[in-house]
Each structure stands twice: as structure tokens, then as C-alpha cells.
């Protein structure tokens, strides 16, 4: 590692990333509620801003020397049955994808949407459960590192209110994002790999936006699995944070 992990570095990364995405989105002038309606909207509202943000994160990780600790967890934690959480999340997102009407005329947006949501999955996970977690671990306890990454992940979604989403919907999304941020944190610690969360995250957004764009129908079973995910997250979060030791931040070479 080239630079000693510190919380202030994590916060700078977050602020710069949010500024990039917000500035490009506002310049492209895309309404949040219509972002998945056309290929043009997806390119201007997701691919371009998030793609530029992803490039910034890659440059930052390279300069800091944080790629490995951001992508790989040193030690897996949790009981054997903890694997049920990532499995339940995978089932939930696959149910979401199954709700897409692939035969719809609107399905022509799906290839570019897949690219856009892949960028979102990479960027948001690499930033929050990757680079930010590494930085926070260098300055505080693991409990605070979890809480702040989940809290700031929710705050990140607060940007949507500036892109045309209603205040009420944005507030709910921020709270839900905090819970999901905790689930993705656990997935990293349980599996030892950030890429697992990246894939789940990308499929989650692809299913949600794709179903809406093609006027599809989400299976009722998805309601059951989201509650399974939330329940497992709460139970495992308490168990992991109570029993797992703080994770020491990697030292510079």
C-alpha cells in the first residue's frame, strides 16, 4: 500500500464521487423517474456519470495502492449458516430480473441498461464497501466502520431528490439503502470477496429498473425474500459485530 488508510481519505473519495455524478447528471438533464425509459436516458443518466465516477475510483485506488484490501477481506466471519444471506439476496435479485418483460418493445433498452447497472454495482460497492471501508478501518473501530459506510451509502441515494425523485420516496430509499448497505457489508465479510456484492448489486438495479422500463411484473415471492434478507441482516449484524475482532487496516509497503 502506498498511503496509510485514514477516514478523511474515505470522505474525500465520497465527496468527489458524488460531485462527479451529480454534476454530469445535471448537465445531461435527465429526470430520475424516466431514466430507464430510453437508451438515451440510460446513457446520459447512468452510463456516463457513473462511468466517469468509476474511472475516478479506479485512479484513486491505483494511486493509494488500495485495490487488494478494497476487493478482498482478510478473514471470513460468521457461522456456517451465514451463507444464507448472500444466497437469499441472489434469489431475490433473480426474482427481480425474472419480472422483466423481455418480449416487450421496450426491452431494446436492456443491453445498455445491463452496462449501466454493472457500472453502478462496481462503483457503489467499490467505493463504500471497498475504499471507504479500508479508510475507516484505519481510523476507527469496526462497528463505526460498518455504521458509517452503511449510513453514507444511504446518504448517497439522497442525491436522487435533486434529479426529480420525490422527497418522500427519496427518504424511504435512504433508510432502505442503509439496511441494504449493512447487508452488503455482511456479504463482503461472510464471503471474503467484494465482487459478490458487486454482482448482487448490479442485478438488483437491473431487475428493478428493467421491470419498470418494460412494464413487467415482479413475482410475489420477492416480497418474502426481501424480508428474509432484512431479518438475516439484523441477526447476523448483531452476531458478527459482537464476536468479530476489529479488522486492522493494511499498512503501507
C-alpha atoms as a PDB file:
ATOM      1  CA  UNK A   1       0.000   0.000   0.000  1.00  0.00           C
ATOM      2  CA  UNK A   2       1.251   3.445  -0.868  1.00  0.00           C
ATOM      3  CA  UNK A   3      -0.876   5.512   1.531  1.00  0.00           C
ATOM      4  CA  UNK A   4      -1.859   4.803   5.135  1.00  0.00           C
ATOM      5  CA  UNK A   5      -5.675   4.268   5.341  1.00  0.00           C
ATOM      6  CA  UNK A   6      -7.481   7.160   7.051  1.00  0.00           C
ATOM      7  CA  UNK A   7     -11.128   8.152   7.405  1.00  0.00           C
ATOM      8  CA  UNK A   8     -10.568  11.575   5.866  1.00  0.00           C
ATOM      9  CA  UNK A   9      -9.410   9.928   2.633  1.00  0.00           C
ATOM     10  CA  UNK A  10     -12.637   7.909   2.518  1.00  0.00           C
ATOM     11  CA  UNK A  11     -14.722  11.051   2.950  1.00  0.00           C
ATOM     12  CA  UNK A  12     -12.829  12.891   0.204  1.00  0.00           C
ATOM     13  CA  UNK A  13     -13.417   9.965  -2.166  1.00  0.00           C
ATOM     14  CA  UNK A  14     -17.148  10.009  -1.375  1.00  0.00           C
ATOM     15  CA  UNK A  15     -17.498  13.787  -1.859  1.00  0.00           C
ATOM     16  CA  UNK A  16     -15.609  13.800  -5.156  1.00  0.00           C
ATOM     17  CA  UNK A  17     -17.575  10.815  -6.494  1.00  0.00           C
ATOM     18  CA  UNK A  18     -20.921  12.373  -5.524  1.00  0.00           C
ATOM     19  CA  UNK A  19     -19.865  15.698  -7.076  1.00  0.00           C
ATOM     20  CA  UNK A  20     -18.907  13.990 -10.348  1.00  0.00           C
ATOM     21  CA  UNK A  21     -22.153  12.031 -10.645  1.00  0.00           C
ATOM     22  CA  UNK A  22     -24.336  14.986  -9.627  1.00  0.00           C
ATOM     23  CA  UNK A  23     -22.603  17.448 -11.973  1.00  0.00           C
ATOM     24  CA  UNK A  24     -22.763  15.161 -15.017  1.00  0.00           C
ATOM     25  CA  UNK A  25     -26.384  14.203 -14.311  1.00  0.00           C
ATOM     26  CA  UNK A  26     -27.446  17.837 -14.008  1.00  0.00           C
ATOM     27  CA  UNK A  27     -25.566  18.758 -17.178  1.00  0.00           C
ATOM     28  CA  UNK A  28     -27.273  15.922 -19.070  1.00  0.00           C
ATOM     29  CA  UNK A  29     -30.634  16.977 -17.582  1.00  0.00           C
ATOM     30  CA  UNK A  30     -32.265  13.573 -17.086  1.00  0.00           C
ATOM     31  CA  UNK A  31     -35.285  13.140 -14.806  1.00  0.00           C
ATOM     32  CA  UNK A  32     -34.795  10.312 -12.305  1.00  0.00           C
ATOM     33  CA  UNK A  33     -38.265   8.832 -12.843  1.00  0.00           C
ATOM     34  CA  UNK A  34     -37.653   8.450 -16.606  1.00  0.00           C
ATOM     35  CA  UNK A  35     -34.010   7.351 -16.529  1.00  0.00           C
ATOM     36  CA  UNK A  36     -34.822   3.832 -17.755  1.00  0.00           C
ATOM     37  CA  UNK A  37     -37.349   4.809 -20.402  1.00  0.00           C
ATOM     38  CA  UNK A  38     -34.971   5.208 -23.346  1.00  0.00           C
ATOM     39  CA  UNK A  39     -31.473   4.193 -24.352  1.00  0.00           C
ATOM     40  CA  UNK A  40     -30.509   7.864 -24.483  1.00  0.00           C
ATOM     41  CA  UNK A  41     -31.702   8.463 -20.918  1.00  0.00           C
ATOM     42  CA  UNK A  42     -29.805   5.432 -19.625  1.00  0.00           C
ATOM     43  CA  UNK A  43     -26.609   6.582 -21.329  1.00  0.00           C
ATOM     44  CA  UNK A  44     -26.927  10.161 -20.058  1.00  0.00           C
ATOM     45  CA  UNK A  45     -28.317   9.288 -16.615  1.00  0.00           C
ATOM     46  CA  UNK A  46     -26.371   6.151 -15.705  1.00  0.00           C
ATOM     47  CA  UNK A  47     -23.604   5.084 -18.086  1.00  0.00           C
ATOM     48  CA  UNK A  48     -21.857   8.442 -18.498  1.00  0.00           C
ATOM     49  CA  UNK A  49     -21.980   9.851 -14.933  1.00  0.00           C
ATOM     50  CA  UNK A  50     -21.362   6.529 -13.183  1.00  0.00           C
ATOM     51  CA  UNK A  51     -18.754   5.557 -15.763  1.00  0.00           C
ATOM     52  CA  UNK A  52     -16.793   8.744 -15.095  1.00  0.00           C
ATOM     53  CA  UNK A  53     -17.205   8.135 -11.364  1.00  0.00           C
ATOM     54  CA  UNK A  54     -15.912   4.574 -11.782  1.00  0.00           C
ATOM     55  CA  UNK A  55     -12.859   5.867 -13.631  1.00  0.00           C
ATOM     56  CA  UNK A  56     -12.154   8.264 -10.756  1.00  0.00           C
ATOM     57  CA  UNK A  57     -12.422   5.423  -8.227  1.00  0.00           C
ATOM     58  CA  UNK A  58     -10.029   3.267 -10.253  1.00  0.00           C
ATOM     59  CA  UNK A  59      -7.482   6.079 -10.438  1.00  0.00           C
ATOM     60  CA  UNK A  60      -7.835   6.771  -6.706  1.00  0.00           C
ATOM     61  CA  UNK A  61      -7.410   3.091  -5.803  1.00  0.00           C
ATOM     62  CA  UNK A  62      -4.327   2.829  -8.001  1.00  0.00           C
ATOM     63  CA  UNK A  63      -2.722   5.946  -6.558  1.00  0.00           C
ATOM     64  CA  UNK A  64      -3.489   4.903  -2.976  1.00  0.00           C
ATOM     65  CA  UNK A  65      -2.474   1.301  -3.543  1.00  0.00           C
ATOM     66  CA  UNK A  66      -5.742   0.066  -2.036  1.00  0.00           C
ATOM     67  CA  UNK A  67      -7.001  -2.328  -4.728  1.00  0.00           C
ATOM     68  CA  UNK A  68      -6.354  -5.571  -2.856  1.00  0.00           C
ATOM     69  CA  UNK A  69      -7.688  -4.595   0.601  1.00  0.00           C
ATOM     70  CA  UNK A  70     -10.692  -2.951  -1.070  1.00  0.00           C
ATOM     71  CA  UNK A  71     -11.583  -6.097  -3.021  1.00  0.00           C
ATOM     72  CA  UNK A  72     -10.567  -8.896  -0.648  1.00  0.00           C
ATOM     73  CA  UNK A  73     -11.480  -9.374   3.010  1.00  0.00           C
ATOM     74  CA  UNK A  74      -8.623 -10.722   5.089  1.00  0.00           C
ATOM     75  CA  UNK A  75     -10.682 -13.192   7.141  1.00  0.00           C
ATOM     76  CA  UNK A  76     -14.208 -14.523   6.655  1.00  0.00           C
ATOM     77  CA  UNK A  77     -16.565 -14.246   9.622  1.00  0.00           C
ATOM     78  CA  UNK A  78     -19.894 -15.629  10.790  1.00  0.00           C
ATOM     79  CA  UNK A  79     -21.358 -19.101  11.380  1.00  0.00           C
ATOM     80  CA  UNK A  80     -21.666 -21.563   8.504  1.00  0.00           C
ATOM     81  CA  UNK A  81     -25.331 -20.758   8.041  1.00  0.00           C
ATOM     82  CA  UNK A  82     -24.412 -17.105   7.404  1.00  0.00           C
ATOM     83  CA  UNK A  83     -24.059 -18.045   3.730  1.00  0.00           C
ATOM     84  CA  UNK A  84     -27.873 -17.997   3.682  1.00  0.00           C
ATOM     85  CA  UNK A  85     -27.735 -14.199   3.460  1.00  0.00           C
ATOM     86  CA  UNK A  86     -25.922 -13.909   0.109  1.00  0.00           C
ATOM     87  CA  UNK A  87     -27.955 -16.874  -1.182  1.00  0.00           C
ATOM     88  CA  UNK A  88     -31.233 -15.161  -0.208  1.00  0.00           C
ATOM     89  CA  UNK A  89     -30.037 -11.942  -1.835  1.00  0.00           C
ATOM     90  CA  UNK A  90     -29.187 -13.783  -5.044  1.00  0.00           C
ATOM     91  CA  UNK A  91     -32.626 -15.426  -5.101  1.00  0.00           C
ATOM     92  CA  UNK A  92     -34.278 -12.048  -4.523  1.00  0.00           C
ATOM     93  CA  UNK A  93     -32.411 -10.323  -7.353  1.00  0.00           C
ATOM     94  CA  UNK A  94     -33.026 -13.205  -9.746  1.00  0.00           C
ATOM     95  CA  UNK A  95     -36.735 -12.972  -8.969  1.00  0.00           C
ATOM     96  CA  UNK A  96     -36.476  -9.268  -9.762  1.00  0.00           C
ATOM     97  CA  UNK A  97     -34.812  -9.975 -13.098  1.00  0.00           C
ATOM     98  CA  UNK A  98     -37.500 -12.556 -13.893  1.00  0.00           C
ATOM     99  CA  UNK A  99     -40.063  -9.756 -13.617  1.00  0.00           C
ATOM    100  CA  UNK A 100     -38.651  -8.059 -16.722  1.00  0.00           C
ATOM    101  CA  UNK A 101     -40.794  -8.438 -19.839  1.00  0.00           C
ATOM    102  CA  UNK A 102     -38.059  -9.434 -22.276  1.00  0.00           C
ATOM    103  CA  UNK A 103     -40.611  -9.641 -25.100  1.00  0.00           C
ATOM    104  CA  UNK A 104     -41.727  -6.036 -24.702  1.00  0.00           C
ATOM    105  CA  UNK A 105     -40.926  -3.404 -27.332  1.00  0.00           C
ATOM    106  CA  UNK A 106     -39.192  -1.502 -24.539  1.00  0.00           C
ATOM    107  CA  UNK A 107     -36.788  -4.409 -23.997  1.00  0.00           C
ATOM    108  CA  UNK A 108     -34.440  -2.824 -26.543  1.00  0.00           C
ATOM    109  CA  UNK A 109     -33.058  -0.701 -23.674  1.00  0.00           C
ATOM    110  CA  UNK A 110     -31.924  -3.755 -21.688  1.00  0.00           C
ATOM    111  CA  UNK A 111     -28.402  -4.229 -23.182  1.00  0.00           C
ATOM    112  CA  UNK A 112     -27.332  -0.666 -22.372  1.00  0.00           C
ATOM    113  CA  UNK A 113     -29.156  -0.908 -19.030  1.00  0.00           C
ATOM    114  CA  UNK A 114     -27.082  -4.003 -18.205  1.00  0.00           C
ATOM    115  CA  UNK A 115     -23.923  -1.984 -18.851  1.00  0.00           C
ATOM    116  CA  UNK A 116     -25.187   0.910 -16.736  1.00  0.00           C
ATOM    117  CA  UNK A 117     -26.189  -1.222 -13.759  1.00  0.00           C
ATOM    118  CA  UNK A 118     -22.903  -3.152 -13.955  1.00  0.00           C
ATOM    119  CA  UNK A 119     -21.131   0.198 -13.571  1.00  0.00           C
ATOM    120  CA  UNK A 120     -23.374   1.067 -10.626  1.00  0.00           C
ATOM    121  CA  UNK A 121     -22.702  -2.284  -8.960  1.00  0.00           C
ATOM    122  CA  UNK A 122     -18.969  -1.836  -9.351  1.00  0.00           C
ATOM    123  CA  UNK A 123     -18.808   1.841  -8.391  1.00  0.00           C
ATOM    124  CA  UNK A 124     -21.085   1.915  -5.359  1.00  0.00           C
ATOM    125  CA  UNK A 125     -19.677  -1.288  -3.868  1.00  0.00           C
ATOM    126  CA  UNK A 126     -16.053  -0.440  -4.637  1.00  0.00           C
ATOM    127  CA  UNK A 127     -16.473   2.992  -3.098  1.00  0.00           C
ATOM    128  CA  UNK A 128     -18.498   2.160   0.033  1.00  0.00           C
ATOM    129  CA  UNK A 129     -17.706  -1.460   0.958  1.00  0.00           C
ATOM    130  CA  UNK A 130     -14.283  -1.145  -0.666  1.00  0.00           C
ATOM    131  CA  UNK A 131     -12.255   2.053  -0.490  1.00  0.00           C
ATOM    132  CA  UNK A 132     -14.306   3.743   2.234  1.00  0.00           C
ATOM    133  CA  UNK A 133     -14.244   0.666   4.473  1.00  0.00           C
ATOM    134  CA  UNK A 134     -10.461   0.442   4.108  1.00  0.00           C
ATOM    135  CA  UNK A 135     -10.077   4.104   5.045  1.00  0.00           C
ATOM    136  CA  UNK A 136     -12.438   3.961   8.020  1.00  0.00           C
ATOM    137  CA  UNK A 137     -10.724   0.853   9.372  1.00  0.00           C
ATOM    138  CA  UNK A 138      -7.543   2.900   9.566  1.00  0.00           C
ATOM    139  CA  UNK A 139      -9.119   5.435  11.932  1.00  0.00           C
ATOM    140  CA  UNK A 140     -11.864   3.753  13.966  1.00  0.00           C
ATOM    141  CA  UNK A 141     -13.414   0.549  15.278  1.00  0.00           C
ATOM    142  CA  UNK A 142     -15.099  -1.984  13.003  1.00  0.00           C
ATOM    143  CA  UNK A 143     -18.537  -1.063  14.410  1.00  0.00           C
ATOM    144  CA  UNK A 144     -18.078   2.547  13.364  1.00  0.00           C
ATOM    145  CA  UNK A 145     -16.620   1.474  10.032  1.00  0.00           C
ATOM    146  CA  UNK A 146     -19.768  -0.596   9.339  1.00  0.00           C
ATOM    147  CA  UNK A 147     -22.140   2.126  10.526  1.00  0.00           C
ATOM    148  CA  UNK A 148     -20.565   4.955   8.559  1.00  0.00           C
ATOM    149  CA  UNK A 149     -20.278   3.002   5.310  1.00  0.00           C
ATOM    150  CA  UNK A 150     -23.952   1.987   5.588  1.00  0.00           C
ATOM    151  CA  UNK A 151     -25.057   5.489   6.625  1.00  0.00           C
ATOM    152  CA  UNK A 152     -23.121   7.197   3.837  1.00  0.00           C
ATOM    153  CA  UNK A 153     -24.438   4.644   1.342  1.00  0.00           C
ATOM    154  CA  UNK A 154     -27.919   5.809   2.323  1.00  0.00           C
ATOM    155  CA  UNK A 155     -26.832   9.439   2.063  1.00  0.00           C
ATOM    156  CA  UNK A 156     -25.511   8.767  -1.435  1.00  0.00           C
ATOM    157  CA  UNK A 157     -29.039   7.887  -2.537  1.00  0.00           C
ATOM    158  CA  UNK A 158     -30.228  11.247  -1.219  1.00  0.00           C
ATOM    159  CA  UNK A 159     -28.836  12.735  -4.442  1.00  0.00           C
ATOM    160  CA  UNK A 160     -31.895  11.373  -6.241  1.00  0.00           C
ATOM    161  CA  UNK A 161     -34.073  14.147  -4.830  1.00  0.00           C
ATOM    162  CA  UNK A 162     -32.087  16.619  -6.945  1.00  0.00           C
ATOM    163  CA  UNK A 163     -32.719  14.523 -10.050  1.00  0.00           C
ATOM    164  CA  UNK A 164     -36.523  14.628  -9.900  1.00  0.00           C
ATOM    165  CA  UNK A 165     -37.432  11.941  -7.347  1.00  0.00           C
ATOM    166  CA  UNK A 166     -39.966  12.925  -4.668  1.00  0.00           C
ATOM    167  CA  UNK A 167     -38.751  13.775  -1.166  1.00  0.00           C
ATOM    168  CA  UNK A 168     -40.829  11.028   0.446  1.00  0.00           C
ATOM    169  CA  UNK A 169     -39.603   8.351  -1.926  1.00  0.00           C
ATOM    170  CA  UNK A 170     -36.013   9.532  -1.505  1.00  0.00           C
ATOM    171  CA  UNK A 171     -36.258   9.451   2.298  1.00  0.00           C
ATOM    172  CA  UNK A 172     -37.577   5.869   2.221  1.00  0.00           C
ATOM    173  CA  UNK A 173     -34.867   4.915  -0.264  1.00  0.00           C
ATOM    174  CA  UNK A 174     -32.165   6.327   2.024  1.00  0.00           C
ATOM    175  CA  UNK A 175     -33.403   4.295   5.018  1.00  0.00           C
ATOM    176  CA  UNK A 176     -33.717   1.162   2.884  1.00  0.00           C
ATOM    177  CA  UNK A 177     -30.244   1.788   1.447  1.00  0.00           C
ATOM    178  CA  UNK A 178     -28.847   1.848   4.995  1.00  0.00           C
ATOM    179  CA  UNK A 179     -30.283  -1.626   5.606  1.00  0.00           C
ATOM    180  CA  UNK A 180     -29.021  -2.862   2.239  1.00  0.00           C
ATOM    181  CA  UNK A 181     -25.646  -1.285   2.913  1.00  0.00           C
ATOM    182  CA  UNK A 182     -25.473  -3.368   6.086  1.00  0.00           C
ATOM    183  CA  UNK A 183     -26.431  -6.489   4.108  1.00  0.00           C
ATOM    184  CA  UNK A 184     -23.717  -5.833   1.514  1.00  0.00           C
ATOM    185  CA  UNK A 185     -21.196  -5.232   4.310  1.00  0.00           C
ATOM    186  CA  UNK A 186     -22.063  -8.650   5.712  1.00  0.00           C
ATOM    187  CA  UNK A 187     -21.815 -10.277   2.286  1.00  0.00           C
ATOM    188  CA  UNK A 188     -18.262  -8.966   1.989  1.00  0.00           C
ATOM    189  CA  UNK A 189     -17.292 -10.256   5.429  1.00  0.00           C
ATOM    190  CA  UNK A 190     -19.063 -13.604   5.022  1.00  0.00           C
ATOM    191  CA  UNK A 191     -17.730 -14.443   1.544  1.00  0.00           C
ATOM    192  CA  UNK A 192     -14.427 -12.589   1.787  1.00  0.00           C
ATOM    193  CA  UNK A 193     -14.933 -11.054  -1.650  1.00  0.00           C
ATOM    194  CA  UNK A 194     -16.333  -7.656  -2.636  1.00  0.00           C
ATOM    195  CA  UNK A 195     -17.150  -8.884  -6.144  1.00  0.00           C
ATOM    196  CA  UNK A 196     -20.035 -10.978  -4.762  1.00  0.00           C
ATOM    197  CA  UNK A 197     -21.740  -7.804  -3.547  1.00  0.00           C
ATOM    198  CA  UNK A 198     -20.971  -6.066  -6.853  1.00  0.00           C
ATOM    199  CA  UNK A 199     -22.773  -8.770  -8.831  1.00  0.00           C
ATOM    200  CA  UNK A 200     -25.794  -8.809  -6.500  1.00  0.00           C
ATOM    201  CA  UNK A 201     -25.968  -5.006  -6.553  1.00  0.00           C
ATOM    202  CA  UNK A 202     -25.828  -4.844 -10.352  1.00  0.00           C
ATOM    203  CA  UNK A 203     -28.530  -7.498 -10.769  1.00  0.00           C
ATOM    204  CA  UNK A 204     -30.690  -5.783  -8.150  1.00  0.00           C
ATOM    205  CA  UNK A 205     -30.708  -2.497 -10.074  1.00  0.00           C
ATOM    206  CA  UNK A 206     -31.040  -4.236 -13.442  1.00  0.00           C
ATOM    207  CA  UNK A 207     -34.139  -6.088 -12.285  1.00  0.00           C
ATOM    208  CA  UNK A 208     -35.732  -3.048 -10.639  1.00  0.00           C
ATOM    209  CA  UNK A 209     -35.163  -0.595 -13.496  1.00  0.00           C
ATOM    210  CA  UNK A 210     -35.679  -3.208 -16.218  1.00  0.00           C
ATOM    211  CA  UNK A 211     -39.027  -4.330 -14.807  1.00  0.00           C
ATOM    212  CA  UNK A 212     -40.240  -0.747 -14.634  1.00  0.00           C
ATOM    213  CA  UNK A 213     -38.935   0.083 -18.128  1.00  0.00           C
ATOM    214  CA  UNK A 214     -40.674  -2.908 -19.736  1.00  0.00           C
ATOM    215  CA  UNK A 215     -43.831  -2.698 -17.583  1.00  0.00           C
ATOM    216  CA  UNK A 216     -43.105  -6.158 -16.245  1.00  0.00           C
ATOM    217  CA  UNK A 217     -44.400  -7.795 -13.074  1.00  0.00           C
ATOM    218  CA  UNK A 218     -42.303  -8.736 -10.070  1.00  0.00           C
ATOM    219  CA  UNK A 219     -43.184 -12.197  -8.641  1.00  0.00           C
ATOM    220  CA  UNK A 220     -44.940 -12.099  -5.272  1.00  0.00           C
ATOM    221  CA  UNK A 221     -42.267 -14.396  -3.872  1.00  0.00           C
ATOM    222  CA  UNK A 222     -39.836 -11.470  -3.974  1.00  0.00           C
ATOM    223  CA  UNK A 223     -41.737  -9.888  -1.061  1.00  0.00           C
ATOM    224  CA  UNK A 224     -40.955 -12.951   1.056  1.00  0.00           C
ATOM    225  CA  UNK A 225     -37.278 -12.953   0.167  1.00  0.00           C
ATOM    226  CA  UNK A 226     -36.728  -9.268   0.878  1.00  0.00           C
ATOM    227  CA  UNK A 227     -37.993  -9.848   4.410  1.00  0.00           C
ATOM    228  CA  UNK A 228     -35.739 -12.892   4.716  1.00  0.00           C
ATOM    229  CA  UNK A 229     -32.822 -10.670   3.656  1.00  0.00           C
ATOM    230  CA  UNK A 230     -33.729  -7.973   6.193  1.00  0.00           C
ATOM    231  CA  UNK A 231     -34.184 -10.499   9.018  1.00  0.00           C
ATOM    232  CA  UNK A 232     -30.904 -12.281   8.287  1.00  0.00           C
ATOM    233  CA  UNK A 233     -29.138  -8.918   8.068  1.00  0.00           C
ATOM    234  CA  UNK A 234     -30.296  -7.837  11.530  1.00  0.00           C
ATOM    235  CA  UNK A 235     -29.498 -11.186  13.159  1.00  0.00           C
ATOM    236  CA  UNK A 236     -26.095 -11.589  11.512  1.00  0.00           C
ATOM    237  CA  UNK A 237     -25.099  -7.979  12.017  1.00  0.00           C
ATOM    238  CA  UNK A 238     -25.529  -8.303  15.773  1.00  0.00           C
ATOM    239  CA  UNK A 239     -23.669 -11.625  15.815  1.00  0.00           C
ATOM    240  CA  UNK A 240     -20.784 -10.511  13.594  1.00  0.00           C
ATOM    241  CA  UNK A 241     -20.210  -7.172  15.294  1.00  0.00           C
ATOM    242  CA  UNK A 242     -20.351  -8.779  18.757  1.00  0.00           C
ATOM    243  CA  UNK A 243     -17.966 -11.639  18.063  1.00  0.00           C
ATOM    244  CA  UNK A 244     -15.632 -10.458  15.311  1.00  0.00           C
ATOM    245  CA  UNK A 245     -12.494  -8.578  16.242  1.00  0.00           C
ATOM    246  CA  UNK A 246     -11.718  -5.257  14.646  1.00  0.00           C
ATOM    247  CA  UNK A 247     -10.113  -5.658  11.258  1.00  0.00           C
ATOM    248  CA  UNK A 248      -6.710  -3.974  11.214  1.00  0.00           C
ATOM    249  CA  UNK A 249      -6.153  -1.681   8.249  1.00  0.00           C
ATOM    250  CA  UNK A 250      -3.365  -2.856   5.920  1.00  0.00           C
ATOM    251  CA  UNK A 251      -0.123  -0.952   6.360  1.00  0.00           C
ATOM    252  CA  UNK A 252       1.732   0.856   3.591  1.00  0.00           C
ATOM    253  CA  UNK A 253       4.548  -1.074   1.993  1.00  0.00           C
END
